[in-house]
């Protein structure tokens, strides 16, 4: 870090993001009914959504997207498959890769999850709008997108994000 610059106020802001992550982390790790009685954790719900939004994915695509090891991505895909939310299938012309395909139940669960997200984020935006202007919120969300991209870049440089080609055994 460049010692000639004072980053104190920014470091404090990043710690606020850490506080949010820590506060929400226990909820994110638990299994939740997203509206139709089928339980998923936060990572499963968002991975299912990513699979639905990006047809033709394989496990390594999930690993690359989230910065997981292949083993971690494979565990998530296997959990979704065991729950009947996706299936793994081979395609003509490529018998090596297993493609992740949502099932009807997976699509239904994703729709329930999206509705709950819409309700939650709408309420959150209402709360934030009572405190901040539309322009401030627009800047915040634009900045958050860059924050995530830059954070991943810095973590890769530091070797913190896993190499998605390796499989770390626990």
N, C-alpha and C. Protein backbone atom coordinates (compact mmCIF):
# COMPACT_ATOMS: atom_id res chain seq x y z
N UNK A 1 0.84 -1.18 0.00
CA UNK A 1 0.00 0.00 0.00
C UNK A 1 0.89 1.24 0.00
N UNK A 2 0.49 2.25 -0.70
CA UNK A 2 1.22 3.50 -0.78
C UNK A 2 1.09 4.23 0.56
N UNK A 3 2.22 4.35 1.28
CA UNK A 3 2.20 4.92 2.64
C UNK A 3 1.97 6.43 2.63
N UNK A 4 2.18 7.10 1.50
CA UNK A 4 2.02 8.55 1.46
C UNK A 4 0.55 8.97 1.41
N UNK A 5 -0.34 8.05 1.18
CA UNK A 5 -1.77 8.38 1.13
C UNK A 5 -2.44 7.93 2.42
N UNK A 6 -3.43 8.70 2.84
CA UNK A 6 -4.19 8.33 4.03
C UNK A 6 -5.48 7.65 3.60
N UNK A 7 -5.54 6.34 3.83
CA UNK A 7 -6.70 5.55 3.43
C UNK A 7 -7.63 5.24 4.61
N UNK A 8 -7.42 5.92 5.74
CA UNK A 8 -8.16 5.60 6.97
C UNK A 8 -9.67 5.58 6.77
N UNK A 9 -10.22 6.62 6.13
CA UNK A 9 -11.68 6.67 5.99
C UNK A 9 -12.18 5.54 5.08
N UNK A 10 -11.38 5.14 4.09
CA UNK A 10 -11.79 4.06 3.20
C UNK A 10 -11.69 2.71 3.90
N UNK A 11 -10.65 2.56 4.69
CA UNK A 11 -10.50 1.31 5.45
C UNK A 11 -11.68 1.13 6.39
N UNK A 12 -12.11 2.21 7.01
CA UNK A 12 -13.30 2.15 7.88
C UNK A 12 -14.53 1.71 7.08
N UNK A 13 -14.69 2.26 5.90
CA UNK A 13 -15.84 1.88 5.05
C UNK A 13 -15.77 0.41 4.66
N UNK A 14 -14.59 -0.08 4.34
CA UNK A 14 -14.45 -1.51 4.01
C UNK A 14 -14.76 -2.37 5.22
N UNK A 15 -14.40 -1.91 6.41
CA UNK A 15 -14.73 -2.67 7.62
C UNK A 15 -16.23 -2.73 7.84
N UNK A 16 -16.94 -1.68 7.42
CA UNK A 16 -18.40 -1.72 7.50
C UNK A 16 -18.94 -2.82 6.59
N UNK A 17 -18.35 -2.99 5.41
CA UNK A 17 -18.76 -4.09 4.52
C UNK A 17 -18.45 -5.43 5.17
N UNK A 18 -17.30 -5.53 5.83
CA UNK A 18 -16.96 -6.76 6.56
C UNK A 18 -18.00 -7.04 7.64
N UNK A 19 -18.41 -5.98 8.37
CA UNK A 19 -19.43 -6.14 9.41
C UNK A 19 -20.72 -6.69 8.83
N UNK A 20 -21.11 -6.18 7.69
CA UNK A 20 -22.32 -6.66 7.03
C UNK A 20 -22.17 -8.14 6.68
N UNK A 21 -21.03 -8.49 6.11
CA UNK A 21 -20.79 -9.88 5.72
C UNK A 21 -20.83 -10.80 6.93
N UNK A 22 -20.18 -10.40 8.00
CA UNK A 22 -20.16 -11.23 9.21
C UNK A 22 -21.55 -11.34 9.81
N UNK A 23 -22.29 -10.25 9.82
CA UNK A 23 -23.65 -10.25 10.37
C UNK A 23 -24.55 -11.20 9.59
N UNK A 24 -24.43 -11.18 8.27
CA UNK A 24 -25.31 -11.99 7.43
C UNK A 24 -24.78 -13.41 7.22
N UNK A 25 -23.53 -13.65 7.53
CA UNK A 25 -22.91 -14.95 7.26
C UNK A 25 -23.65 -16.13 7.91
N UNK A 26 -24.03 -16.04 9.18
CA UNK A 26 -24.75 -17.19 9.75
C UNK A 26 -26.04 -17.51 8.99
N UNK A 27 -26.76 -16.49 8.56
CA UNK A 27 -27.97 -16.74 7.78
C UNK A 27 -27.60 -17.35 6.44
N UNK A 28 -26.55 -16.87 5.82
CA UNK A 28 -26.14 -17.35 4.51
C UNK A 28 -25.76 -18.83 4.52
N UNK A 29 -25.22 -19.30 5.64
CA UNK A 29 -24.76 -20.69 5.71
C UNK A 29 -25.88 -21.68 6.01
N UNK A 30 -26.96 -21.21 6.60
CA UNK A 30 -28.05 -22.11 6.97
C UNK A 30 -28.92 -22.51 5.80
N UNK A 31 -29.71 -23.56 6.00
CA UNK A 31 -30.68 -24.03 5.01
C UNK A 31 -31.98 -23.26 5.21
N UNK A 32 -32.55 -22.77 4.10
CA UNK A 32 -33.75 -21.94 4.19
C UNK A 32 -34.80 -22.39 3.18
N UNK A 33 -36.04 -22.24 3.60
CA UNK A 33 -37.17 -22.47 2.71
C UNK A 33 -37.38 -21.17 1.95
N UNK A 34 -37.16 -21.23 0.65
CA UNK A 34 -37.31 -20.04 -0.16
C UNK A 34 -38.74 -19.85 -0.65
N UNK A 35 -39.68 -20.61 -0.12
CA UNK A 35 -41.07 -20.35 -0.43
C UNK A 35 -41.89 -21.54 -0.85
N UNK A 36 -41.26 -22.65 -1.23
CA UNK A 36 -42.05 -23.81 -1.66
C UNK A 36 -41.69 -25.08 -0.88
N UNK A 37 -41.06 -24.91 0.27
CA UNK A 37 -40.77 -26.05 1.13
C UNK A 37 -39.44 -26.74 0.88
N UNK A 38 -38.74 -26.39 -0.19
CA UNK A 38 -37.45 -27.01 -0.49
C UNK A 38 -36.33 -26.16 0.09
N UNK A 39 -35.43 -26.80 0.82
CA UNK A 39 -34.38 -26.08 1.52
C UNK A 39 -33.11 -25.94 0.68
N UNK A 40 -32.53 -24.75 0.74
CA UNK A 40 -31.25 -24.46 0.11
C UNK A 40 -30.52 -23.46 0.99
N UNK A 41 -29.18 -23.46 0.89
CA UNK A 41 -28.46 -22.38 1.53
C UNK A 41 -28.25 -21.26 0.51
N UNK A 42 -27.72 -20.16 0.97
CA UNK A 42 -27.54 -18.97 0.14
C UNK A 42 -26.71 -19.27 -1.11
N UNK A 43 -25.60 -19.97 -0.94
CA UNK A 43 -24.72 -20.28 -2.06
C UNK A 43 -25.42 -21.17 -3.07
N UNK A 44 -26.15 -22.17 -2.59
CA UNK A 44 -26.89 -23.05 -3.51
C UNK A 44 -27.94 -22.25 -4.29
N UNK A 45 -28.67 -21.38 -3.61
CA UNK A 45 -29.73 -20.61 -4.27
C UNK A 45 -29.15 -19.72 -5.37
N UNK A 46 -28.03 -19.08 -5.08
CA UNK A 46 -27.44 -18.18 -6.06
C UNK A 46 -26.69 -18.92 -7.16
N UNK A 47 -26.17 -20.09 -6.84
CA UNK A 47 -25.54 -20.92 -7.88
C UNK A 47 -26.62 -21.46 -8.82
N UNK A 48 -27.74 -21.90 -8.27
CA UNK A 48 -28.86 -22.34 -9.10
C UNK A 48 -29.30 -21.21 -10.03
N UNK A 49 -29.42 -20.01 -9.50
CA UNK A 49 -29.80 -18.86 -10.32
C UNK A 49 -28.77 -18.64 -11.43
N UNK A 50 -27.49 -18.75 -11.12
CA UNK A 50 -26.43 -18.56 -12.11
C UNK A 50 -26.52 -19.63 -13.21
N UNK A 51 -26.81 -20.86 -12.81
CA UNK A 51 -26.95 -21.96 -13.78
C UNK A 51 -28.13 -21.68 -14.72
N UNK A 52 -29.24 -21.23 -14.17
CA UNK A 52 -30.43 -20.95 -14.97
C UNK A 52 -30.17 -19.78 -15.93
N UNK A 53 -29.47 -18.77 -15.46
CA UNK A 53 -29.20 -17.59 -16.29
C UNK A 53 -28.13 -17.83 -17.36
N UNK A 54 -27.35 -18.90 -17.21
CA UNK A 54 -26.23 -19.16 -18.12
C UNK A 54 -26.25 -20.61 -18.58
N UNK A 55 -27.15 -20.95 -19.49
CA UNK A 55 -27.25 -22.34 -19.95
C UNK A 55 -25.92 -22.85 -20.52
N UNK A 56 -25.67 -24.13 -20.28
CA UNK A 56 -24.48 -24.76 -20.83
C UNK A 56 -23.27 -24.73 -19.92
N UNK A 57 -23.48 -24.41 -18.64
CA UNK A 57 -22.36 -24.36 -17.71
C UNK A 57 -21.89 -25.75 -17.32
N UNK A 58 -20.60 -25.83 -16.98
CA UNK A 58 -20.02 -27.01 -16.37
C UNK A 58 -19.47 -26.57 -15.01
N UNK A 59 -19.06 -27.54 -14.18
CA UNK A 59 -18.62 -27.23 -12.82
C UNK A 59 -17.47 -26.22 -12.81
N UNK A 60 -16.54 -26.34 -13.74
CA UNK A 60 -15.41 -25.39 -13.75
C UNK A 60 -15.88 -23.95 -14.00
N UNK A 61 -16.99 -23.76 -14.70
CA UNK A 61 -17.55 -22.42 -14.89
C UNK A 61 -18.03 -21.84 -13.56
N UNK A 62 -18.64 -22.69 -12.74
CA UNK A 62 -19.10 -22.27 -11.41
C UNK A 62 -17.89 -21.88 -10.56
N UNK A 63 -16.86 -22.72 -10.59
CA UNK A 63 -15.64 -22.45 -9.83
C UNK A 63 -15.03 -21.12 -10.24
N UNK A 64 -14.92 -20.90 -11.52
CA UNK A 64 -14.34 -19.65 -12.02
C UNK A 64 -15.19 -18.44 -11.61
N UNK A 65 -16.50 -18.56 -11.74
CA UNK A 65 -17.39 -17.44 -11.43
C UNK A 65 -17.29 -17.02 -9.97
N UNK A 66 -17.33 -17.98 -9.04
CA UNK A 66 -17.33 -17.66 -7.61
C UNK A 66 -15.93 -17.62 -7.00
N UNK A 67 -14.91 -18.07 -7.76
CA UNK A 67 -13.56 -18.12 -7.19
C UNK A 67 -13.36 -19.31 -6.26
N UNK A 68 -14.12 -20.39 -6.48
CA UNK A 68 -14.03 -21.60 -5.68
C UNK A 68 -13.03 -22.57 -6.30
N UNK A 69 -12.61 -23.55 -5.51
CA UNK A 69 -11.88 -24.67 -6.09
C UNK A 69 -12.87 -25.53 -6.87
N UNK A 70 -12.35 -26.38 -7.73
CA UNK A 70 -13.22 -27.32 -8.44
C UNK A 70 -13.96 -28.21 -7.45
N UNK A 71 -13.28 -28.62 -6.39
CA UNK A 71 -13.94 -29.48 -5.39
C UNK A 71 -15.13 -28.78 -4.76
N UNK A 72 -14.94 -27.51 -4.37
CA UNK A 72 -16.04 -26.78 -3.74
C UNK A 72 -17.21 -26.61 -4.71
N UNK A 73 -16.91 -26.25 -5.95
CA UNK A 73 -17.97 -26.08 -6.95
C UNK A 73 -18.66 -27.41 -7.22
N UNK A 74 -17.90 -28.47 -7.25
CA UNK A 74 -18.47 -29.80 -7.48
C UNK A 74 -19.40 -30.20 -6.33
N UNK A 75 -19.01 -29.87 -5.10
CA UNK A 75 -19.87 -30.18 -3.94
C UNK A 75 -21.20 -29.42 -4.03
N UNK A 76 -21.13 -28.17 -4.43
CA UNK A 76 -22.37 -27.38 -4.56
C UNK A 76 -23.26 -27.97 -5.65
N UNK A 77 -22.66 -28.30 -6.80
CA UNK A 77 -23.43 -28.89 -7.89
C UNK A 77 -24.03 -30.23 -7.47
N UNK A 78 -23.25 -31.03 -6.76
CA UNK A 78 -23.76 -32.33 -6.30
C UNK A 78 -24.91 -32.16 -5.31
N UNK A 79 -24.80 -31.17 -4.44
CA UNK A 79 -25.87 -30.90 -3.49
C UNK A 79 -27.15 -30.48 -4.21
N UNK A 80 -27.01 -29.61 -5.22
CA UNK A 80 -28.17 -29.20 -6.01
C UNK A 80 -28.78 -30.40 -6.74
N UNK A 81 -27.91 -31.28 -7.22
CA UNK A 81 -28.39 -32.48 -7.92
C UNK A 81 -29.13 -33.42 -6.96
N UNK A 82 -28.58 -33.64 -5.77
CA UNK A 82 -29.24 -34.51 -4.77
C UNK A 82 -30.60 -33.97 -4.36
N UNK A 83 -30.74 -32.66 -4.38
CA UNK A 83 -32.01 -32.03 -4.02
C UNK A 83 -32.98 -32.01 -5.19
N UNK A 84 -32.56 -32.52 -6.34
CA UNK A 84 -33.43 -32.58 -7.51
C UNK A 84 -33.60 -31.25 -8.23
N UNK A 85 -32.66 -30.31 -8.00
CA UNK A 85 -32.79 -28.98 -8.57
C UNK A 85 -32.05 -28.82 -9.90
N UNK A 86 -31.04 -29.65 -10.10
CA UNK A 86 -30.34 -29.69 -11.39
C UNK A 86 -30.06 -31.15 -11.72
N UNK A 87 -29.67 -31.38 -12.96
CA UNK A 87 -29.15 -32.69 -13.34
C UNK A 87 -27.87 -32.44 -14.14
N UNK A 88 -27.02 -33.42 -14.13
CA UNK A 88 -25.78 -33.34 -14.90
C UNK A 88 -25.95 -34.23 -16.12
N UNK A 89 -25.66 -33.67 -17.28
CA UNK A 89 -25.85 -34.46 -18.50
C UNK A 89 -24.69 -34.27 -19.46
N UNK A 90 -24.42 -35.34 -20.21
CA UNK A 90 -23.44 -35.28 -21.28
C UNK A 90 -24.17 -34.85 -22.54
N UNK A 91 -23.43 -34.25 -23.45
CA UNK A 91 -24.02 -33.79 -24.70
C UNK A 91 -23.37 -34.50 -25.87
N UNK A 92 -24.13 -34.65 -26.94
CA UNK A 92 -23.57 -35.24 -28.15
C UNK A 92 -22.34 -34.45 -28.58
N UNK A 93 -21.32 -35.16 -28.96
CA UNK A 93 -20.10 -34.51 -29.42
C UNK A 93 -19.14 -34.17 -28.30
N UNK A 94 -19.58 -34.27 -27.03
CA UNK A 94 -18.69 -34.01 -25.91
C UNK A 94 -19.08 -34.93 -24.76
N UNK A 95 -18.46 -36.06 -24.71
CA UNK A 95 -18.76 -37.03 -23.65
C UNK A 95 -17.92 -36.81 -22.39
N UNK A 96 -17.01 -35.82 -22.44
CA UNK A 96 -16.14 -35.55 -21.30
C UNK A 96 -16.83 -34.67 -20.26
N UNK A 97 -17.42 -33.58 -20.70
CA UNK A 97 -18.00 -32.62 -19.77
C UNK A 97 -19.41 -33.01 -19.33
N UNK A 98 -19.71 -32.70 -18.07
CA UNK A 98 -21.06 -32.86 -17.55
C UNK A 98 -21.66 -31.46 -17.44
N UNK A 99 -22.72 -31.23 -18.19
CA UNK A 99 -23.37 -29.93 -18.20
C UNK A 99 -24.42 -29.87 -17.10
N UNK A 100 -24.55 -28.70 -16.48
CA UNK A 100 -25.48 -28.50 -15.38
C UNK A 100 -26.78 -27.93 -15.93
N UNK A 101 -27.86 -28.68 -15.77
CA UNK A 101 -29.15 -28.32 -16.36
C UNK A 101 -30.19 -28.24 -15.25
N UNK A 102 -30.90 -27.12 -15.14
CA UNK A 102 -31.94 -27.03 -14.10
C UNK A 102 -33.11 -27.96 -14.40
N UNK A 103 -33.67 -28.51 -13.35
CA UNK A 103 -34.88 -29.32 -13.49
C UNK A 103 -36.09 -28.40 -13.34
N UNK A 104 -37.27 -28.93 -13.58
CA UNK A 104 -38.49 -28.16 -13.36
C UNK A 104 -38.58 -27.67 -11.92
N UNK A 105 -38.24 -28.55 -10.97
CA UNK A 105 -38.24 -28.17 -9.56
C UNK A 105 -37.21 -27.07 -9.31
N UNK A 106 -36.05 -27.17 -9.94
CA UNK A 106 -35.02 -26.14 -9.79
C UNK A 106 -35.50 -24.79 -10.28
N UNK A 107 -36.17 -24.78 -11.41
CA UNK A 107 -36.71 -23.53 -11.96
C UNK A 107 -37.77 -22.96 -11.02
N UNK A 108 -38.61 -23.84 -10.48
CA UNK A 108 -39.63 -23.39 -9.53
C UNK A 108 -38.99 -22.79 -8.28
N UNK A 109 -38.00 -23.47 -7.72
CA UNK A 109 -37.33 -22.97 -6.51
C UNK A 109 -36.64 -21.64 -6.80
N UNK A 110 -36.03 -21.52 -7.97
CA UNK A 110 -35.38 -20.28 -8.35
C UNK A 110 -36.39 -19.14 -8.44
N UNK A 111 -37.58 -19.40 -8.97
CA UNK A 111 -38.60 -18.36 -9.06
C UNK A 111 -39.03 -17.89 -7.67
N UNK A 112 -39.19 -18.84 -6.74
CA UNK A 112 -39.53 -18.46 -5.36
C UNK A 112 -38.40 -17.64 -4.74
N UNK A 113 -37.15 -18.08 -4.97
CA UNK A 113 -36.00 -17.36 -4.43
C UNK A 113 -35.95 -15.94 -4.98
N UNK A 114 -36.17 -15.77 -6.27
CA UNK A 114 -36.15 -14.44 -6.89
C UNK A 114 -37.23 -13.54 -6.30
N UNK A 115 -38.41 -14.10 -6.02
CA UNK A 115 -39.49 -13.31 -5.43
C UNK A 115 -39.11 -12.85 -4.02
N UNK A 116 -38.51 -13.75 -3.23
CA UNK A 116 -38.08 -13.36 -1.89
C UNK A 116 -36.99 -12.30 -1.95
N UNK A 117 -36.05 -12.46 -2.88
CA UNK A 117 -35.00 -11.45 -3.06
C UNK A 117 -35.62 -10.11 -3.44
N UNK A 118 -36.58 -10.14 -4.35
CA UNK A 118 -37.24 -8.91 -4.79
C UNK A 118 -37.91 -8.21 -3.61
N UNK A 119 -38.60 -8.97 -2.76
CA UNK A 119 -39.25 -8.39 -1.59
C UNK A 119 -38.22 -7.80 -0.62
N UNK A 120 -37.16 -8.58 -0.35
CA UNK A 120 -36.12 -8.14 0.59
C UNK A 120 -35.42 -6.88 0.06
N UNK A 121 -34.96 -6.93 -1.20
CA UNK A 121 -34.20 -5.81 -1.74
C UNK A 121 -35.09 -4.58 -1.94
N UNK A 122 -36.36 -4.76 -2.23
CA UNK A 122 -37.27 -3.62 -2.33
C UNK A 122 -37.40 -2.93 -0.98
N UNK A 123 -37.55 -3.72 0.08
CA UNK A 123 -37.65 -3.15 1.43
C UNK A 123 -36.33 -2.47 1.81
N UNK A 124 -35.21 -3.07 1.44
CA UNK A 124 -33.91 -2.48 1.74
C UNK A 124 -33.72 -1.16 1.00
N UNK A 125 -34.12 -1.12 -0.27
CA UNK A 125 -34.03 0.12 -1.05
C UNK A 125 -34.94 1.20 -0.44
N UNK A 126 -36.14 0.82 0.02
CA UNK A 126 -37.03 1.78 0.68
C UNK A 126 -36.35 2.38 1.90
N UNK A 127 -35.70 1.53 2.71
CA UNK A 127 -35.00 2.01 3.91
C UNK A 127 -33.85 2.93 3.53
N UNK A 128 -33.05 2.52 2.55
CA UNK A 128 -31.91 3.34 2.12
C UNK A 128 -32.37 4.65 1.49
N UNK A 129 -33.48 4.61 0.75
CA UNK A 129 -34.01 5.81 0.08
C UNK A 129 -34.49 6.86 1.08
N UNK A 130 -34.84 6.41 2.26
CA UNK A 130 -35.25 7.35 3.30
C UNK A 130 -34.04 8.10 3.87
N UNK A 131 -32.85 7.59 3.61
CA UNK A 131 -31.63 8.19 4.15
C UNK A 131 -30.79 8.86 3.06
N UNK A 132 -30.78 8.27 1.86
CA UNK A 132 -29.89 8.71 0.79
C UNK A 132 -30.67 9.06 -0.47
N UNK A 133 -30.08 9.95 -1.27
CA UNK A 133 -30.70 10.34 -2.54
C UNK A 133 -30.52 9.23 -3.57
N UNK A 134 -31.29 9.32 -4.62
CA UNK A 134 -31.19 8.37 -5.74
C UNK A 134 -29.78 8.39 -6.33
N UNK A 135 -29.20 9.58 -6.45
CA UNK A 135 -27.86 9.73 -7.00
C UNK A 135 -26.83 9.03 -6.10
N UNK A 136 -26.97 9.17 -4.79
CA UNK A 136 -26.06 8.50 -3.87
C UNK A 136 -26.17 6.99 -3.99
N UNK A 137 -27.39 6.49 -4.10
CA UNK A 137 -27.59 5.05 -4.26
C UNK A 137 -26.99 4.56 -5.58
N UNK A 138 -27.18 5.32 -6.66
CA UNK A 138 -26.61 4.94 -7.95
C UNK A 138 -25.08 4.85 -7.86
N UNK A 139 -24.47 5.82 -7.21
CA UNK A 139 -23.01 5.81 -7.03
C UNK A 139 -22.60 4.61 -6.18
N UNK A 140 -23.35 4.35 -5.11
CA UNK A 140 -23.03 3.22 -4.24
C UNK A 140 -23.03 1.91 -5.02
N UNK A 141 -24.06 1.67 -5.79
CA UNK A 141 -24.15 0.40 -6.51
C UNK A 141 -23.11 0.29 -7.62
N UNK A 142 -22.82 1.41 -8.28
CA UNK A 142 -21.75 1.40 -9.28
C UNK A 142 -20.41 1.11 -8.61
N UNK A 143 -20.19 1.72 -7.47
CA UNK A 143 -18.95 1.51 -6.73
C UNK A 143 -18.85 0.08 -6.21
N UNK A 144 -19.95 -0.48 -5.74
CA UNK A 144 -19.93 -1.86 -5.22
C UNK A 144 -19.53 -2.85 -6.30
N UNK A 145 -20.01 -2.64 -7.50
CA UNK A 145 -19.65 -3.52 -8.61
C UNK A 145 -18.14 -3.46 -8.86
N UNK A 146 -17.59 -2.25 -8.87
CA UNK A 146 -16.14 -2.10 -9.04
C UNK A 146 -15.38 -2.67 -7.85
N UNK A 147 -15.93 -2.48 -6.65
CA UNK A 147 -15.31 -3.01 -5.43
C UNK A 147 -15.14 -4.52 -5.53
N UNK A 148 -16.17 -5.21 -5.97
CA UNK A 148 -16.10 -6.66 -6.10
C UNK A 148 -15.06 -7.06 -7.14
N UNK A 149 -15.10 -6.42 -8.30
CA UNK A 149 -14.12 -6.73 -9.35
C UNK A 149 -12.69 -6.47 -8.89
N UNK A 150 -12.48 -5.31 -8.27
CA UNK A 150 -11.13 -4.98 -7.81
C UNK A 150 -10.70 -5.88 -6.65
N UNK A 151 -11.64 -6.20 -5.77
CA UNK A 151 -11.33 -7.10 -4.66
C UNK A 151 -10.88 -8.46 -5.17
N UNK A 152 -11.55 -8.99 -6.17
CA UNK A 152 -11.15 -10.28 -6.76
C UNK A 152 -9.76 -10.18 -7.38
N UNK A 153 -9.50 -9.05 -8.05
CA UNK A 153 -8.19 -8.85 -8.68
C UNK A 153 -7.08 -8.83 -7.63
N UNK A 154 -7.29 -8.09 -6.55
CA UNK A 154 -6.29 -8.02 -5.49
C UNK A 154 -6.11 -9.39 -4.83
N UNK A 155 -7.21 -10.11 -4.58
CA UNK A 155 -7.11 -11.42 -3.96
C UNK A 155 -6.38 -12.42 -4.86
N UNK A 156 -6.62 -12.34 -6.16
CA UNK A 156 -5.89 -13.22 -7.08
C UNK A 156 -4.39 -12.93 -7.03
N UNK A 157 -4.03 -11.65 -7.03
CA UNK A 157 -2.61 -11.26 -6.96
C UNK A 157 -1.97 -11.77 -5.68
N UNK A 158 -2.73 -11.79 -4.60
CA UNK A 158 -2.21 -12.26 -3.32
C UNK A 158 -2.29 -13.78 -3.17
N UNK A 159 -2.91 -14.43 -4.15
CA UNK A 159 -3.04 -15.88 -4.08
C UNK A 159 -4.14 -16.35 -3.15
N UNK A 160 -5.05 -15.45 -2.78
CA UNK A 160 -6.12 -15.79 -1.85
C UNK A 160 -7.25 -16.53 -2.56
N UNK A 161 -7.60 -16.08 -3.77
CA UNK A 161 -8.61 -16.81 -4.53
C UNK A 161 -7.99 -18.09 -5.04
N UNK A 162 -8.72 -19.17 -4.91
CA UNK A 162 -8.20 -20.47 -5.30
C UNK A 162 -8.00 -20.58 -6.80
N UNK A 163 -7.00 -21.35 -7.14
CA UNK A 163 -6.82 -21.74 -8.55
C UNK A 163 -7.93 -22.72 -8.86
N UNK A 164 -8.78 -22.37 -9.79
CA UNK A 164 -9.95 -23.21 -10.06
C UNK A 164 -9.59 -24.52 -10.75
N UNK A 165 -8.34 -24.69 -11.10
CA UNK A 165 -7.93 -25.95 -11.74
C UNK A 165 -7.46 -26.97 -10.70
N UNK A 166 -7.28 -26.55 -9.47
CA UNK A 166 -6.79 -27.49 -8.46
C UNK A 166 -7.95 -28.05 -7.65
N UNK A 167 -7.71 -29.13 -6.97
CA UNK A 167 -8.72 -29.74 -6.11
C UNK A 167 -8.09 -29.95 -4.75
N UNK A 168 -8.46 -29.12 -3.80
CA UNK A 168 -7.90 -29.20 -2.47
C UNK A 168 -8.76 -30.14 -1.64
N UNK A 169 -8.16 -31.19 -1.12
CA UNK A 169 -8.88 -32.15 -0.29
C UNK A 169 -8.91 -31.67 1.15
N UNK A 170 -10.05 -31.79 1.78
CA UNK A 170 -10.19 -31.37 3.18
C UNK A 170 -10.00 -32.55 4.09
